[in-house]
């Protein structure tokens, strides 16, 4: 990311910062650091925007309609829709839906890679190991999908 923030990216960062302001990750670090790390990996402005907003709908009161009303383009909102897990779907069904959208697929790759970084965790429980195994399986599917495109 070598360019200055555009107004739309700045708006996305501000929305994510407020949406995640009282949240902590599994290592008790401020949750906002996760979407910011992902944003820094983005190769385009759209990737950066989707990365920083990827958990806003799932983890706050924001809706896709509100994000659209804030001026985020349809392709951003569509990717965010794919990245927002539905209550009734299994994790595999969720990943299937992510893989239907190339932009969402790239962001999910960044998400899984960040979530699988063990250096942030001081202790790994059995539950953490199960989650990491699920992430690893999903990551393999995402990498294969990216390679086919």
Protein backbone atom coordinates (compact mmCIF):
# COMPACT_ATOMS: atom_id res chain seq x y z
CA UNK A 1 0.00 0.00 0.00
CA UNK A 2 2.05 2.92 -1.28
CA UNK A 3 -0.57 5.58 -1.86
CA UNK A 4 -2.32 8.01 0.47
CA UNK A 5 -5.72 7.06 1.81
CA UNK A 6 -8.59 8.04 -0.42
CA UNK A 7 -11.67 9.54 1.24
CA UNK A 8 -13.55 6.23 0.81
CA UNK A 9 -10.75 4.21 2.40
CA UNK A 10 -10.55 6.75 5.21
CA UNK A 11 -14.29 6.36 5.75
CA UNK A 12 -13.92 2.56 5.82
CA UNK A 13 -11.15 2.77 8.43
CA UNK A 14 -13.23 5.14 10.58
CA UNK A 15 -16.29 2.87 10.40
CA UNK A 16 -14.22 -0.20 11.30
CA UNK A 17 -12.48 1.60 14.18
CA UNK A 18 -15.79 2.61 15.76
CA UNK A 19 -17.46 -0.74 15.05
CA UNK A 20 -14.63 -2.68 16.72
CA UNK A 21 -13.66 -0.12 19.39
CA UNK A 22 -14.51 -2.25 22.44
CA UNK A 23 -13.66 -5.64 20.94
CA UNK A 24 -10.65 -7.80 21.75
CA UNK A 25 -9.27 -10.69 19.73
CA UNK A 26 -8.52 -14.16 21.11
CA UNK A 27 -5.12 -12.92 22.32
CA UNK A 28 -6.76 -9.97 24.13
CA UNK A 29 -5.36 -7.42 21.68
CA UNK A 30 -7.56 -4.67 20.23
CA UNK A 31 -9.58 -6.39 17.50
CA UNK A 32 -9.19 -3.48 15.05
CA UNK A 33 -5.55 -4.51 14.57
CA UNK A 34 -6.73 -7.61 12.67
CA UNK A 35 -8.63 -5.76 9.89
CA UNK A 36 -5.88 -3.13 9.74
CA UNK A 37 -3.22 -5.82 9.19
CA UNK A 38 -5.39 -7.27 6.44
CA UNK A 39 -5.91 -3.83 4.90
CA UNK A 40 -2.14 -3.34 4.72
CA UNK A 41 -1.90 -6.46 2.54
CA UNK A 42 -4.45 -5.18 0.05
CA UNK A 43 -3.15 -4.71 -3.48
CA UNK A 44 -5.92 -2.34 -4.58
CA UNK A 45 -8.11 0.24 -2.91
CA UNK A 46 -11.09 -2.12 -3.18
CA UNK A 47 -9.15 -4.91 -1.44
CA UNK A 48 -8.09 -2.49 1.29
CA UNK A 49 -11.66 -1.28 1.85
CA UNK A 50 -13.13 -4.79 1.94
CA UNK A 51 -10.33 -6.00 4.21
CA UNK A 52 -10.82 -3.31 6.82
CA UNK A 53 -14.62 -3.71 6.73
CA UNK A 54 -14.74 -7.51 6.45
CA UNK A 55 -16.07 -8.15 9.98
CA UNK A 56 -18.10 -4.96 10.49
CA UNK A 57 -21.47 -6.43 9.47
CA UNK A 58 -20.92 -9.71 11.32
CA UNK A 59 -19.56 -8.14 14.52
CA UNK A 60 -21.50 -4.87 14.89
CA UNK A 61 -24.84 -3.21 14.18
CA UNK A 62 -23.79 -2.11 10.68
CA UNK A 63 -25.75 -3.54 7.76
CA UNK A 64 -24.83 -3.98 4.13
CA UNK A 65 -27.55 -1.47 3.23
CA UNK A 66 -26.00 1.13 5.53
CA UNK A 67 -22.57 0.59 3.98
CA UNK A 68 -24.07 0.99 0.51
CA UNK A 69 -25.78 4.20 1.67
CA UNK A 70 -22.38 5.46 2.86
CA UNK A 71 -21.22 5.32 -0.75
CA UNK A 72 -19.32 2.05 -0.87
CA UNK A 73 -19.47 0.58 -4.40
CA UNK A 74 -21.63 -2.41 -5.27
CA UNK A 75 -18.60 -4.69 -5.70
CA UNK A 76 -17.42 -3.82 -2.17
CA UNK A 77 -20.87 -4.50 -0.70
CA UNK A 78 -21.16 -7.77 -2.67
CA UNK A 79 -17.77 -8.95 -1.37
CA UNK A 80 -18.73 -7.98 2.19
CA UNK A 81 -21.96 -9.92 1.80
CA UNK A 82 -19.96 -13.02 0.83
CA UNK A 83 -17.62 -12.49 3.79
CA UNK A 84 -20.45 -12.23 6.31
CA UNK A 85 -21.32 -15.65 7.69
CA UNK A 86 -25.02 -16.38 8.03
CA UNK A 87 -26.34 -17.80 11.29
CA UNK A 88 -27.82 -20.87 9.58
CA UNK A 89 -24.85 -21.85 7.43
CA UNK A 90 -22.02 -24.22 8.27
CA UNK A 91 -18.45 -23.03 7.99
CA UNK A 92 -18.00 -25.05 4.77
CA UNK A 93 -21.14 -23.49 3.28
CA UNK A 94 -19.78 -20.07 4.24
CA UNK A 95 -16.48 -20.78 2.48
CA UNK A 96 -18.40 -22.05 -0.57
CA UNK A 97 -20.14 -18.67 -0.72
CA UNK A 98 -16.90 -16.73 -0.26
CA UNK A 99 -15.38 -18.59 -3.22
CA UNK A 100 -18.12 -17.29 -5.54
CA UNK A 101 -16.65 -13.78 -5.35
CA UNK A 102 -13.02 -13.18 -6.43
CA UNK A 103 -12.61 -10.07 -4.27
CA UNK A 104 -14.02 -11.85 -1.21
CA UNK A 105 -11.78 -14.84 -1.93
CA UNK A 106 -8.62 -12.70 -1.79
CA UNK A 107 -9.72 -11.06 1.44
CA UNK A 108 -10.57 -14.43 2.98
CA UNK A 109 -7.05 -15.56 2.12
CA UNK A 110 -5.64 -12.58 4.05
CA UNK A 111 -8.10 -13.23 6.90
CA UNK A 112 -7.20 -16.89 7.27
CA UNK A 113 -3.47 -16.21 7.06
CA UNK A 114 -3.73 -13.55 9.76
CA UNK A 115 -5.90 -15.79 11.94
CA UNK A 116 -3.41 -18.67 11.59
CA UNK A 117 -0.49 -16.54 12.83
CA UNK A 118 0.43 -18.27 16.08
CA UNK A 119 2.88 -15.64 17.32
CA UNK A 120 -0.01 -13.59 18.72
CA UNK A 121 -1.14 -16.44 20.98
CA UNK A 122 0.73 -17.19 24.20
CA UNK A 123 -1.17 -20.43 24.89
CA UNK A 124 -2.98 -22.72 22.47
CA UNK A 125 -5.94 -24.65 23.81
CA UNK A 126 -7.53 -27.71 22.22
CA UNK A 127 -10.29 -25.42 20.96
CA UNK A 128 -7.67 -23.14 19.36
CA UNK A 129 -6.11 -26.15 17.64
CA UNK A 130 -9.50 -27.26 16.27
CA UNK A 131 -10.14 -23.75 14.94
CA UNK A 132 -6.67 -23.64 13.36
CA UNK A 133 -7.29 -26.97 11.63
CA UNK A 134 -10.60 -25.65 10.25
CA UNK A 135 -8.81 -22.48 9.07
CA UNK A 136 -6.08 -24.55 7.44
CA UNK A 137 -8.62 -26.63 5.48
CA UNK A 138 -10.42 -23.46 4.36
CA UNK A 139 -7.11 -21.84 3.44
CA UNK A 140 -6.26 -24.74 1.15
CA UNK A 141 -9.59 -24.30 -0.65
CA UNK A 142 -9.06 -20.55 -0.96
CA UNK A 143 -5.51 -20.93 -2.30
CA UNK A 144 -6.71 -23.46 -4.88
CA UNK A 145 -9.49 -21.08 -5.98
CA UNK A 146 -7.04 -18.16 -6.31
CA UNK A 147 -4.65 -20.32 -8.35
CA UNK A 148 -7.44 -21.29 -10.78
CA UNK A 149 -8.35 -17.66 -11.52
